[in-house]
């Protein structure tokens, strides 16, 4: 490494400050997220949240392509907002358009919507995604009923449950029947595929704890070896050693995922939740609410219950009818 023009070597702090914190290329790798497809519903659009996880030392993720199926239309548009979608689902000014094109019907095969600008999701952050199709019929975009707390989860990303949109106008809040409770239906899920690029952070002492256990063990071993006079690393300066570690990928250890927690994945809804998810609720139900309900359900199941005897004549059955048309009617 070059020294300064003066006769004195550059201060260690000066050199350490030059180490990069992220890769200079666009993405290190890419992967695909495929969601379940039960062919439950179709209508003009679907909104959902994407949450970037911090299991791995990710700097950010970039959603490059979204694949959907249905009648599609003219145009099909894709939008995103920084943060959850629900508070701004009817506020167009809070959304950024990243795709607009006429799309031919694709009822069976997924059609690729290649985004003009990738959707950037910093590590640990959430973005709302909105896919909308202007079509003459109500079968523009295929989506499903919610069946789990989340739609998909892996080391990198969580795809959250969202809402269906039944207005032919993007961000509109009028359903096709011109009556009832607006154009959004809760507990609906994205059906399709996402192509996502990953950009990793580079190791530096200040982000050491954001790396997997095996990588941190590797760093500790190298630094300890450098303190032993009989080891050749003892003759390598601190700044050079830290530069070398900085250039190592998090996957360099023999077992890079060793010691990491298992990915829990989607958790199946209980029967009461399943019945509600199949209805026409208009209030978005985030994952936190699901977890709270599951804990309550488990507590109730763990408590001993006494059988209650009541004469048949005293039992009253109440039926709640929903006369509002179905999403597919």
C-alpha atoms as a PDB file:
ATOM      1  CA  UNK A   1       0.000   0.000   0.000  1.00  0.00           C
ATOM      2  CA  UNK A   2       1.297   3.447  -0.917  1.00  0.00           C
ATOM      3  CA  UNK A   3       2.505   5.866   1.728  1.00  0.00           C
ATOM      4  CA  UNK A   4       1.875   9.605   1.768  1.00  0.00           C
ATOM      5  CA  UNK A   5       4.310  11.987   0.098  1.00  0.00           C
ATOM      6  CA  UNK A   6       5.669  13.050   3.469  1.00  0.00           C
ATOM      7  CA  UNK A   7       8.420  11.069   5.169  1.00  0.00           C
ATOM      8  CA  UNK A   8       5.927   9.957   7.862  1.00  0.00           C
ATOM      9  CA  UNK A   9       3.674   6.907   7.160  1.00  0.00           C
ATOM     10  CA  UNK A  10      -0.006   7.702   6.948  1.00  0.00           C
ATOM     11  CA  UNK A  11      -1.897   7.393  10.212  1.00  0.00           C
ATOM     12  CA  UNK A  12      -3.733   4.102  10.743  1.00  0.00           C
ATOM     13  CA  UNK A  13      -7.010   5.968  11.140  1.00  0.00           C
ATOM     14  CA  UNK A  14      -6.569   7.531   7.705  1.00  0.00           C
ATOM     15  CA  UNK A  15      -6.092   4.157   6.046  1.00  0.00           C
ATOM     16  CA  UNK A  16      -8.818   2.356   7.987  1.00  0.00           C
ATOM     17  CA  UNK A  17     -11.298   5.023   6.957  1.00  0.00           C
ATOM     18  CA  UNK A  18     -10.729   4.218   3.272  1.00  0.00           C
ATOM     19  CA  UNK A  19     -12.081   0.679   3.404  1.00  0.00           C
ATOM     20  CA  UNK A  20     -15.318   0.388   1.396  1.00  0.00           C
ATOM     21  CA  UNK A  21     -18.565  -0.448   3.169  1.00  0.00           C
ATOM     22  CA  UNK A  22     -20.412  -1.946   0.194  1.00  0.00           C
ATOM     23  CA  UNK A  23     -19.618  -3.523  -3.138  1.00  0.00           C
ATOM     24  CA  UNK A  24     -19.259  -1.194  -6.110  1.00  0.00           C
ATOM     25  CA  UNK A  25     -21.200  -3.459  -8.491  1.00  0.00           C
ATOM     26  CA  UNK A  26     -24.990  -3.439  -8.694  1.00  0.00           C
ATOM     27  CA  UNK A  27     -25.718  -6.843  -7.143  1.00  0.00           C
ATOM     28  CA  UNK A  28     -23.688  -9.767  -5.814  1.00  0.00           C
ATOM     29  CA  UNK A  29     -26.302 -12.415  -6.574  1.00  0.00           C
ATOM     30  CA  UNK A  30     -29.957 -12.792  -7.421  1.00  0.00           C
ATOM     31  CA  UNK A  31     -32.694 -15.205  -6.432  1.00  0.00           C
ATOM     32  CA  UNK A  32     -36.354 -15.836  -7.159  1.00  0.00           C
ATOM     33  CA  UNK A  33     -39.334 -15.868  -4.807  1.00  0.00           C
ATOM     34  CA  UNK A  34     -42.187 -18.115  -5.947  1.00  0.00           C
ATOM     35  CA  UNK A  35     -45.475 -17.815  -4.043  1.00  0.00           C
ATOM     36  CA  UNK A  36     -48.310 -20.342  -3.798  1.00  0.00           C
ATOM     37  CA  UNK A  37     -51.079 -20.239  -6.403  1.00  0.00           C
ATOM     38  CA  UNK A  38     -54.497 -21.544  -5.361  1.00  0.00           C
ATOM     39  CA  UNK A  39     -56.451 -19.616  -8.027  1.00  0.00           C
ATOM     40  CA  UNK A  40     -58.764 -18.120  -5.402  1.00  0.00           C
ATOM     41  CA  UNK A  41     -59.642 -14.728  -6.917  1.00  0.00           C
ATOM     42  CA  UNK A  42     -59.048 -12.238  -9.697  1.00  0.00           C
ATOM     43  CA  UNK A  43     -59.573  -8.492  -9.929  1.00  0.00           C
ATOM     44  CA  UNK A  44     -57.750  -5.306 -10.910  1.00  0.00           C
ATOM     45  CA  UNK A  45     -54.839  -5.324  -8.519  1.00  0.00           C
ATOM     46  CA  UNK A  46     -53.063  -6.363  -5.353  1.00  0.00           C
ATOM     47  CA  UNK A  47     -50.993  -4.479  -2.755  1.00  0.00           C
ATOM     48  CA  UNK A  48     -48.530  -6.103  -0.373  1.00  0.00           C
ATOM     49  CA  UNK A  49     -45.414  -5.382   1.682  1.00  0.00           C
ATOM     50  CA  UNK A  50     -41.889  -6.678   1.139  1.00  0.00           C
ATOM     51  CA  UNK A  51     -39.628  -6.685   4.212  1.00  0.00           C
ATOM     52  CA  UNK A  52     -35.861  -7.082   3.907  1.00  0.00           C
ATOM     53  CA  UNK A  53     -34.362  -9.226   6.674  1.00  0.00           C
ATOM     54  CA  UNK A  54     -31.042  -8.845   8.492  1.00  0.00           C
ATOM     55  CA  UNK A  55     -30.084 -12.519   8.914  1.00  0.00           C
ATOM     56  CA  UNK A  56     -27.216 -11.968   6.484  1.00  0.00           C
ATOM     57  CA  UNK A  57     -25.001  -8.889   5.966  1.00  0.00           C
ATOM     58  CA  UNK A  58     -27.193  -7.400   3.245  1.00  0.00           C
ATOM     59  CA  UNK A  59     -26.733  -3.757   2.291  1.00  0.00           C
ATOM     60  CA  UNK A  60     -29.866  -3.647   0.169  1.00  0.00           C
ATOM     61  CA  UNK A  61     -32.035  -5.706  -2.162  1.00  0.00           C
ATOM     62  CA  UNK A  62     -33.333  -4.750  -5.591  1.00  0.00           C
ATOM     63  CA  UNK A  63     -36.597  -6.068  -6.991  1.00  0.00           C
ATOM     64  CA  UNK A  64     -35.870  -6.324 -10.714  1.00  0.00           C
ATOM     65  CA  UNK A  65     -38.834  -8.296 -12.091  1.00  0.00           C
ATOM     66  CA  UNK A  66     -42.379  -9.117 -10.995  1.00  0.00           C
ATOM     67  CA  UNK A  67     -44.200 -12.025 -12.646  1.00  0.00           C
ATOM     68  CA  UNK A  68     -48.009 -12.226 -12.564  1.00  0.00           C
ATOM     69  CA  UNK A  69     -50.813 -13.836 -14.534  1.00  0.00           C
ATOM     70  CA  UNK A  70     -54.388 -13.006 -15.508  1.00  0.00           C
ATOM     71  CA  UNK A  71     -56.172 -11.073 -18.217  1.00  0.00           C
ATOM     72  CA  UNK A  72     -53.692  -8.223 -17.547  1.00  0.00           C
ATOM     73  CA  UNK A  73     -54.605  -5.181 -19.684  1.00  0.00           C
ATOM     74  CA  UNK A  74     -53.734  -1.760 -21.024  1.00  0.00           C
ATOM     75  CA  UNK A  75     -51.895  -0.611 -19.106  1.00  0.00           C
ATOM     76  CA  UNK A  76     -50.466  -2.841 -16.403  1.00  0.00           C
ATOM     77  CA  UNK A  77     -48.602  -0.730 -13.858  1.00  0.00           C
ATOM     78  CA  UNK A  78     -46.291  -1.405 -10.917  1.00  0.00           C
ATOM     79  CA  UNK A  79     -45.748   1.036  -8.076  1.00  0.00           C
ATOM     80  CA  UNK A  80     -43.851   1.116  -4.794  1.00  0.00           C
ATOM     81  CA  UNK A  81     -43.798   3.208  -1.641  1.00  0.00           C
ATOM     82  CA  UNK A  82     -41.167   3.422   1.085  1.00  0.00           C
ATOM     83  CA  UNK A  83     -42.745   1.909   4.170  1.00  0.00           C
ATOM     84  CA  UNK A  84     -45.939  -0.141   4.549  1.00  0.00           C
ATOM     85  CA  UNK A  85     -48.589   0.232   1.869  1.00  0.00           C
ATOM     86  CA  UNK A  86     -51.692   0.417   4.081  1.00  0.00           C
ATOM     87  CA  UNK A  87     -51.481   4.035   5.366  1.00  0.00           C
ATOM     88  CA  UNK A  88     -51.023   5.410   1.821  1.00  0.00           C
ATOM     89  CA  UNK A  89     -52.990   2.956  -0.327  1.00  0.00           C
ATOM     90  CA  UNK A  90     -55.256   5.741  -1.703  1.00  0.00           C
ATOM     91  CA  UNK A  91     -52.561   8.468  -1.898  1.00  0.00           C
ATOM     92  CA  UNK A  92     -50.923   8.365  -5.373  1.00  0.00           C
ATOM     93  CA  UNK A  93     -48.403  11.075  -4.502  1.00  0.00           C
ATOM     94  CA  UNK A  94     -46.708   8.705  -2.047  1.00  0.00           C
ATOM     95  CA  UNK A  95     -46.028   6.090  -4.724  1.00  0.00           C
ATOM     96  CA  UNK A  96     -43.406   5.785  -7.479  1.00  0.00           C
ATOM     97  CA  UNK A  97     -44.287   4.185 -10.813  1.00  0.00           C
ATOM     98  CA  UNK A  98     -41.657   1.719 -12.085  1.00  0.00           C
ATOM     99  CA  UNK A  99     -43.555  -0.142 -14.830  1.00  0.00           C
ATOM    100  CA  UNK A 100     -46.249   0.779 -17.355  1.00  0.00           C
ATOM    101  CA  UNK A 101     -47.057  -1.234 -20.455  1.00  0.00           C
ATOM    102  CA  UNK A 102     -49.831  -2.938 -22.359  1.00  0.00           C
ATOM    103  CA  UNK A 103     -49.794  -6.653 -21.599  1.00  0.00           C
ATOM    104  CA  UNK A 104     -51.523  -9.428 -23.494  1.00  0.00           C
ATOM    105  CA  UNK A 105     -53.605 -11.906 -21.476  1.00  0.00           C
ATOM    106  CA  UNK A 106     -51.637 -14.685 -19.806  1.00  0.00           C
ATOM    107  CA  UNK A 107     -54.074 -16.815 -17.860  1.00  0.00           C
ATOM    108  CA  UNK A 108     -51.927 -19.884 -17.220  1.00  0.00           C
ATOM    109  CA  UNK A 109     -48.304 -18.786 -17.510  1.00  0.00           C
ATOM    110  CA  UNK A 110     -46.716 -16.037 -15.466  1.00  0.00           C
ATOM    111  CA  UNK A 111     -45.919 -12.889 -17.470  1.00  0.00           C
ATOM    112  CA  UNK A 112     -42.762 -10.897 -16.744  1.00  0.00           C
ATOM    113  CA  UNK A 113     -43.038  -7.242 -15.718  1.00  0.00           C
ATOM    114  CA  UNK A 114     -39.428  -6.057 -16.024  1.00  0.00           C
ATOM    115  CA  UNK A 115     -39.190  -2.918 -13.932  1.00  0.00           C
ATOM    116  CA  UNK A 116     -37.776   0.206 -15.542  1.00  0.00           C
ATOM    117  CA  UNK A 117     -36.081   1.063 -12.240  1.00  0.00           C
ATOM    118  CA  UNK A 118     -35.428  -1.633  -9.610  1.00  0.00           C
ATOM    119  CA  UNK A 119     -37.203  -1.244  -6.276  1.00  0.00           C
ATOM    120  CA  UNK A 120     -34.483  -0.745  -3.652  1.00  0.00           C
ATOM    121  CA  UNK A 121     -35.142  -2.202  -0.180  1.00  0.00           C
ATOM    122  CA  UNK A 122     -32.460  -1.349   2.431  1.00  0.00           C
ATOM    123  CA  UNK A 123     -31.688  -4.054   4.979  1.00  0.00           C
ATOM    124  CA  UNK A 124     -34.306  -4.200   7.733  1.00  0.00           C
ATOM    125  CA  UNK A 125     -36.730  -1.918   5.878  1.00  0.00           C
ATOM    126  CA  UNK A 126     -40.164  -2.415   4.313  1.00  0.00           C
ATOM    127  CA  UNK A 127     -41.576  -1.254   0.998  1.00  0.00           C
ATOM    128  CA  UNK A 128     -45.131  -1.495  -0.253  1.00  0.00           C
ATOM    129  CA  UNK A 129     -45.664  -2.921  -3.750  1.00  0.00           C
ATOM    130  CA  UNK A 130     -48.743  -2.403  -5.922  1.00  0.00           C
ATOM    131  CA  UNK A 131     -49.557  -4.242  -9.164  1.00  0.00           C
ATOM    132  CA  UNK A 132     -52.601  -2.935 -11.076  1.00  0.00           C
ATOM    133  CA  UNK A 133     -54.228  -3.880 -14.377  1.00  0.00           C
ATOM    134  CA  UNK A 134     -56.737  -1.763 -16.305  1.00  0.00           C
ATOM    135  CA  UNK A 135     -58.961  -4.353 -17.983  1.00  0.00           C
ATOM    136  CA  UNK A 136     -62.544  -4.460 -19.174  1.00  0.00           C
ATOM    137  CA  UNK A 137     -63.258  -7.535 -17.065  1.00  0.00           C
ATOM    138  CA  UNK A 138     -62.557  -8.277 -13.409  1.00  0.00           C
ATOM    139  CA  UNK A 139     -59.910 -10.934 -14.073  1.00  0.00           C
ATOM    140  CA  UNK A 140     -56.917  -8.646 -14.527  1.00  0.00           C
ATOM    141  CA  UNK A 141     -54.655 -10.024 -11.763  1.00  0.00           C
ATOM    142  CA  UNK A 142     -54.804 -13.420 -10.020  1.00  0.00           C
ATOM    143  CA  UNK A 143     -54.402 -13.432  -6.221  1.00  0.00           C
ATOM    144  CA  UNK A 144     -55.203 -15.734  -3.296  1.00  0.00           C
ATOM    145  CA  UNK A 145     -56.904 -15.796   0.075  1.00  0.00           C
ATOM    146  CA  UNK A 146     -54.527 -15.577   2.991  1.00  0.00           C
ATOM    147  CA  UNK A 147     -53.683 -18.908   4.651  1.00  0.00           C
ATOM    148  CA  UNK A 148     -50.589 -18.111   6.723  1.00  0.00           C
ATOM    149  CA  UNK A 149     -49.110 -15.270   8.746  1.00  0.00           C
ATOM    150  CA  UNK A 150     -46.765 -14.433   5.849  1.00  0.00           C
ATOM    151  CA  UNK A 151     -46.806 -15.463   2.200  1.00  0.00           C
ATOM    152  CA  UNK A 152     -43.105 -16.313   1.912  1.00  0.00           C
ATOM    153  CA  UNK A 153     -40.001 -16.113   4.100  1.00  0.00           C
ATOM    154  CA  UNK A 154     -36.347 -16.975   3.494  1.00  0.00           C
ATOM    155  CA  UNK A 155     -32.955 -15.659   4.649  1.00  0.00           C
ATOM    156  CA  UNK A 156     -33.394 -12.446   2.692  1.00  0.00           C
ATOM    157  CA  UNK A 157     -37.001 -11.324   2.480  1.00  0.00           C
ATOM    158  CA  UNK A 158     -40.498 -11.674   3.884  1.00  0.00           C
ATOM    159  CA  UNK A 159     -43.492 -11.311   1.567  1.00  0.00           C
ATOM    160  CA  UNK A 160     -46.391 -10.109   3.713  1.00  0.00           C
ATOM    161  CA  UNK A 161     -50.112 -10.641   3.212  1.00  0.00           C
ATOM    162  CA  UNK A 162     -51.797  -7.693   1.512  1.00  0.00           C
ATOM    163  CA  UNK A 163     -55.064  -6.451   0.050  1.00  0.00           C
ATOM    164  CA  UNK A 164     -56.906  -6.914  -3.229  1.00  0.00           C
ATOM    165  CA  UNK A 165     -57.914  -3.837  -5.215  1.00  0.00           C
ATOM    166  CA  UNK A 166     -61.183  -3.814  -7.149  1.00  0.00           C
ATOM    167  CA  UNK A 167     -61.210  -0.331  -8.682  1.00  0.00           C
ATOM    168  CA  UNK A 168     -60.268  -0.056 -12.354  1.00  0.00           C
ATOM    169  CA  UNK A 169     -58.588   3.257 -11.489  1.00  0.00           C
ATOM    170  CA  UNK A 170     -55.204   2.979  -9.766  1.00  0.00           C
ATOM    171  CA  UNK A 171     -55.551   3.967  -6.087  1.00  0.00           C
ATOM    172  CA  UNK A 172     -59.313   4.464  -6.471  1.00  0.00           C
ATOM    173  CA  UNK A 173     -61.637   3.418  -3.659  1.00  0.00           C
ATOM    174  CA  UNK A 174     -64.887   2.605  -5.474  1.00  0.00           C
ATOM    175  CA  UNK A 175     -65.838  -1.006  -6.090  1.00  0.00           C
ATOM    176  CA  UNK A 176     -67.582  -1.982  -9.354  1.00  0.00           C
ATOM    177  CA  UNK A 177     -70.994  -2.153  -7.691  1.00  0.00           C
ATOM    178  CA  UNK A 178     -70.852   1.473  -6.531  1.00  0.00           C
ATOM    179  CA  UNK A 179     -71.905   0.579  -3.009  1.00  0.00           C
ATOM    180  CA  UNK A 180     -70.599  -1.087   0.112  1.00  0.00           C
ATOM    181  CA  UNK A 181     -67.247  -0.705   1.765  1.00  0.00           C
ATOM    182  CA  UNK A 182     -64.797   0.602  -0.779  1.00  0.00           C
ATOM    183  CA  UNK A 183     -62.497  -1.121  -3.246  1.00  0.00           C
ATOM    184  CA  UNK A 184     -60.050  -2.932  -0.967  1.00  0.00           C
ATOM    185  CA  UNK A 185     -60.316  -6.417   0.532  1.00  0.00           C
ATOM    186  CA  UNK A 186     -57.970  -7.514   3.302  1.00  0.00           C
ATOM    187  CA  UNK A 187     -56.203 -10.845   3.773  1.00  0.00           C
ATOM    188  CA  UNK A 188     -55.414 -11.359   0.106  1.00  0.00           C
ATOM    189  CA  UNK A 189     -51.985 -12.465  -1.089  1.00  0.00           C
ATOM    190  CA  UNK A 190     -49.733 -11.908  -4.092  1.00  0.00           C
ATOM    191  CA  UNK A 191     -49.592 -14.777  -6.594  1.00  0.00           C
ATOM    192  CA  UNK A 192     -46.540 -14.903  -8.830  1.00  0.00           C
ATOM    193  CA  UNK A 193     -42.801 -14.576  -8.769  1.00  0.00           C
ATOM    194  CA  UNK A 194     -40.244 -11.943  -7.784  1.00  0.00           C
ATOM    195  CA  UNK A 195     -36.700 -11.690  -9.110  1.00  0.00           C
ATOM    196  CA  UNK A 196     -34.552  -9.978  -6.501  1.00  0.00           C
ATOM    197  CA  UNK A 197     -30.906  -8.931  -6.587  1.00  0.00           C
ATOM    198  CA  UNK A 198     -28.831  -8.792  -3.400  1.00  0.00           C
ATOM    199  CA  UNK A 199     -26.044  -6.363  -2.613  1.00  0.00           C
ATOM    200  CA  UNK A 200     -23.988  -7.325   0.449  1.00  0.00           C
ATOM    201  CA  UNK A 201     -22.172  -5.046   2.842  1.00  0.00           C
ATOM    202  CA  UNK A 202     -18.422  -5.449   3.244  1.00  0.00           C
ATOM    203  CA  UNK A 203     -16.896  -6.292   6.602  1.00  0.00           C
ATOM    204  CA  UNK A 204     -15.651  -3.495   8.826  1.00  0.00           C
ATOM    205  CA  UNK A 205     -15.209  -3.487  12.614  1.00  0.00           C
ATOM    206  CA  UNK A 206     -18.295  -1.307  13.140  1.00  0.00           C
ATOM    207  CA  UNK A 207     -20.571  -3.839  11.365  1.00  0.00           C
ATOM    208  CA  UNK A 208     -18.883  -6.976  12.734  1.00  0.00           C
ATOM    209  CA  UNK A 209     -21.982  -8.053  14.684  1.00  0.00           C
ATOM    210  CA  UNK A 210     -24.117  -8.037  11.536  1.00  0.00           C
ATOM    211  CA  UNK A 211     -22.172 -10.965  10.069  1.00  0.00           C
ATOM    212  CA  UNK A 212     -22.974 -14.662  10.597  1.00  0.00           C
ATOM    213  CA  UNK A 213     -21.400 -16.550  13.541  1.00  0.00           C
ATOM    214  CA  UNK A 214     -18.910 -18.513  11.400  1.00  0.00           C
ATOM    215  CA  UNK A 215     -17.599 -15.380   9.699  1.00  0.00           C
ATOM    216  CA  UNK A 216     -17.165 -13.645  13.067  1.00  0.00           C
ATOM    217  CA  UNK A 217     -15.274 -16.705  14.317  1.00  0.00           C
ATOM    218  CA  UNK A 218     -13.027 -16.548  11.251  1.00  0.00           C
ATOM    219  CA  UNK A 219     -12.249 -12.870  11.935  1.00  0.00           C
ATOM    220  CA  UNK A 220     -11.493 -13.605  15.589  1.00  0.00           C
ATOM    221  CA  UNK A 221      -9.187 -16.483  14.621  1.00  0.00           C
ATOM    222  CA  UNK A 222      -7.244 -14.356  12.142  1.00  0.00           C
ATOM    223  CA  UNK A 223      -6.804 -11.527  14.633  1.00  0.00           C
ATOM    224  CA  UNK A 224      -5.638 -13.928  17.362  1.00  0.00           C
ATOM    225  CA  UNK A 225      -3.185 -15.611  14.978  1.00  0.00           C
ATOM    226  CA  UNK A 226      -1.757 -12.201  14.114  1.00  0.00           C
ATOM    227  CA  UNK A 227      -0.824 -11.762  17.787  1.00  0.00           C
ATOM    228  CA  UNK A 228       1.290 -14.926  17.889  1.00  0.00           C
ATOM    229  CA  UNK A 229       4.965 -14.331  16.961  1.00  0.00           C
ATOM    230  CA  UNK A 230       5.293 -17.825  15.462  1.00  0.00           C
ATOM    231  CA  UNK A 231       2.493 -17.149  12.940  1.00  0.00           C
ATOM    232  CA  UNK A 232       3.285 -15.470   9.617  1.00  0.00           C
ATOM    233  CA  UNK A 233       0.269 -13.181  10.128  1.00  0.00           C
ATOM    234  CA  UNK A 234       2.249 -11.591  12.959  1.00  0.00           C
ATOM    235  CA  UNK A 235       4.315  -9.833  10.288  1.00  0.00           C
ATOM    236  CA  UNK A 236       1.261  -8.386   8.543  1.00  0.00           C
ATOM    237  CA  UNK A 237       0.274  -4.906   9.690  1.00  0.00           C
ATOM    238  CA  UNK A 238      -3.132  -4.379  11.268  1.00  0.00           C
ATOM    239  CA  UNK A 239      -4.362  -2.187   8.445  1.00  0.00           C
ATOM    240  CA  UNK A 240      -3.401  -4.738   5.776  1.00  0.00           C
ATOM    241  CA  UNK A 241      -5.074  -7.564   7.711  1.00  0.00           C
ATOM    242  CA  UNK A 242      -8.286  -5.565   8.086  1.00  0.00           C
ATOM    243  CA  UNK A 243      -8.224  -4.760   4.372  1.00  0.00           C
ATOM    244  CA  UNK A 244      -7.910  -8.482   3.579  1.00  0.00           C
ATOM    245  CA  UNK A 245     -10.889  -9.341   5.803  1.00  0.00           C
ATOM    246  CA  UNK A 246     -12.842  -6.497   4.227  1.00  0.00           C
ATOM    247  CA  UNK A 247     -12.484  -8.165   0.827  1.00  0.00           C
ATOM    248  CA  UNK A 248     -13.734 -11.560   2.073  1.00  0.00           C
ATOM    249  CA  UNK A 249     -17.285 -12.575   1.241  1.00  0.00           C
ATOM    250  CA  UNK A 250     -19.465 -13.629   4.163  1.00  0.00           C
ATOM    251  CA  UNK A 251     -19.598 -17.083   2.514  1.00  0.00           C
ATOM    252  CA  UNK A 252     -15.839 -17.719   2.791  1.00  0.00           C
ATOM    253  CA  UNK A 253     -15.942 -19.850   5.981  1.00  0.00           C
ATOM    254  CA  UNK A 254     -16.258 -23.611   5.432  1.00  0.00           C
ATOM    255  CA  UNK A 255     -19.797 -23.625   6.882  1.00  0.00           C
ATOM    256  CA  UNK A 256     -20.991 -20.046   6.311  1.00  0.00           C
ATOM    257  CA  UNK A 257     -24.510 -20.655   7.699  1.00  0.00           C
ATOM    258  CA  UNK A 258     -23.371 -22.647  10.711  1.00  0.00           C
ATOM    259  CA  UNK A 259     -24.824 -21.404  14.017  1.00  0.00           C
ATOM    260  CA  UNK A 260     -27.584 -19.379  12.370  1.00  0.00           C
ATOM    261  CA  UNK A 261     -31.193 -19.741  13.475  1.00  0.00           C
ATOM    262  CA  UNK A 262     -33.448 -21.764  11.226  1.00  0.00           C
ATOM    263  CA  UNK A 263     -35.822 -19.865   8.951  1.00  0.00           C
ATOM    264  CA  UNK A 264     -39.256 -20.303  10.536  1.00  0.00           C
ATOM    265  CA  UNK A 265     -41.202 -19.807   7.342  1.00  0.00           C
ATOM    266  CA  UNK A 266     -44.955 -19.175   7.006  1.00  0.00           C
ATOM    267  CA  UNK A 267     -47.094 -20.261   9.924  1.00  0.00           C
ATOM    268  CA  UNK A 268     -50.503 -21.802   9.216  1.00  0.00           C
ATOM    269  CA  UNK A 269     -53.557 -19.827  10.352  1.00  0.00           C
ATOM    270  CA  UNK A 270     -55.859 -21.375  12.967  1.00  0.00           C
ATOM    271  CA  UNK A 271     -59.457 -22.297  11.984  1.00  0.00           C
ATOM    272  CA  UNK A 272     -60.971 -19.048  13.287  1.00  0.00           C
ATOM    273  CA  UNK A 273     -58.470 -17.001  11.308  1.00  0.00           C
ATOM    274  CA  UNK A 274     -59.060 -19.069   8.171  1.00  0.00           C
ATOM    275  CA  UNK A 275     -62.779 -18.352   8.329  1.00  0.00           C
ATOM    276  CA  UNK A 276     -62.139 -14.636   8.686  1.00  0.00           C
ATOM    277  CA  UNK A 277     -59.528 -14.582   5.933  1.00  0.00           C
ATOM    278  CA  UNK A 278     -62.076 -15.988   3.486  1.00  0.00           C
ATOM    279  CA  UNK A 279     -64.479 -13.098   4.161  1.00  0.00           C
ATOM    280  CA  UNK A 280     -64.640  -9.532   2.887  1.00  0.00           C
ATOM    281  CA  UNK A 281     -62.842  -7.582   5.605  1.00  0.00           C
ATOM    282  CA  UNK A 282     -61.718  -4.100   4.576  1.00  0.00           C
ATOM    283  CA  UNK A 283     -59.158  -3.535   7.359  1.00  0.00           C
ATOM    284  CA  UNK A 284     -55.601  -4.666   6.710  1.00  0.00           C
ATOM    285  CA  UNK A 285     -54.316  -7.224   9.225  1.00  0.00           C
ATOM    286  CA  UNK A 286     -50.512  -7.075   9.611  1.00  0.00           C
ATOM    287  CA  UNK A 287     -48.347  -9.976  10.721  1.00  0.00           C
ATOM    288  CA  UNK A 288     -48.077  -8.605  14.276  1.00  0.00           C
ATOM    289  CA  UNK A 289     -51.823  -9.056  14.726  1.00  0.00           C
ATOM    290  CA  UNK A 290     -51.552 -12.644  13.499  1.00  0.00           C
ATOM    291  CA  UNK A 291     -48.859 -13.431  16.086  1.00  0.00           C
ATOM    292  CA  UNK A 292     -50.904 -11.878  18.888  1.00  0.00           C
ATOM    293  CA  UNK A 293     -53.956 -13.926  17.925  1.00  0.00           C
ATOM    294  CA  UNK A 294     -51.909 -17.115  17.730  1.00  0.00           C
ATOM    295  CA  UNK A 295     -50.519 -16.587  21.242  1.00  0.00           C
ATOM    296  CA  UNK A 296     -54.033 -16.020  22.562  1.00  0.00           C
ATOM    297  CA  UNK A 297     -55.277 -19.140  20.753  1.00  0.00           C
ATOM    298  CA  UNK A 298     -52.474 -21.250  22.238  1.00  0.00           C
ATOM    299  CA  UNK A 299     -53.129 -19.937  25.759  1.00  0.00           C
ATOM    300  CA  UNK A 300     -56.801 -20.805  25.459  1.00  0.00           C
ATOM    301  CA  UNK A 301     -56.029 -24.308  24.237  1.00  0.00           C
ATOM    302  CA  UNK A 302     -53.604 -24.865  27.125  1.00  0.00           C
ATOM    303  CA  UNK A 303     -56.211 -23.976  29.766  1.00  0.00           C
ATOM    304  CA  UNK A 304     -58.498 -26.795  30.997  1.00  0.00           C
ATOM    305  CA  UNK A 305     -62.073 -26.205  29.909  1.00  0.00           C
ATOM    306  CA  UNK A 306     -65.178 -27.295  31.781  1.00  0.00           C
ATOM    307  CA  UNK A 307     -67.987 -28.699  29.709  1.00  0.00           C
ATOM    308  CA  UNK A 308     -71.053 -26.494  29.703  1.00  0.00           C
ATOM    309  CA  UNK A 309     -74.482 -28.114  29.491  1.00  0.00           C
ATOM    310  CA  UNK A 310     -77.389 -26.065  28.189  1.00  0.00           C
ATOM    311  CA  UNK A 311     -80.877 -27.191  27.189  1.00  0.00           C
ATOM    312  CA  UNK A 312     -81.280 -27.307  23.432  1.00  0.00           C
ATOM    313  CA  UNK A 313     -84.190 -24.879  23.627  1.00  0.00           C
ATOM    314  CA  UNK A 314     -81.890 -22.218  25.092  1.00  0.00           C
ATOM    315  CA  UNK A 315     -79.353 -22.407  22.282  1.00  0.00           C
ATOM    316  CA  UNK A 316     -79.703 -19.501  19.874  1.00  0.00           C
ATOM    317  CA  UNK A 317     -78.132 -19.652  16.439  1.00  0.00           C
ATOM    318  CA  UNK A 318     -77.353 -16.325  14.812  1.00  0.00           C
ATOM    319  CA  UNK A 319     -76.466 -16.156  11.171  1.00  0.00           C
ATOM    320  CA  UNK A 320     -74.690 -13.198   9.588  1.00  0.00           C
ATOM    321  CA  UNK A 321     -75.411 -12.754   5.947  1.00  0.00           C
ATOM    322  CA  UNK A 322     -73.153 -10.759   3.646  1.00  0.00           C
ATOM    323  CA  UNK A 323     -75.260  -9.586   0.733  1.00  0.00           C
ATOM    324  CA  UNK A 324     -72.372  -7.771  -0.909  1.00  0.00           C
ATOM    325  CA  UNK A 325     -71.306  -9.401  -4.220  1.00  0.00           C
ATOM    326  CA  UNK A 326     -68.260 -11.653  -4.253  1.00  0.00           C
ATOM    327  CA  UNK A 327     -64.956 -10.407  -5.664  1.00  0.00           C
ATOM    328  CA  UNK A 328     -65.381 -12.817  -8.569  1.00  0.00           C
ATOM    329  CA  UNK A 329     -69.115 -12.136  -9.254  1.00  0.00           C
END
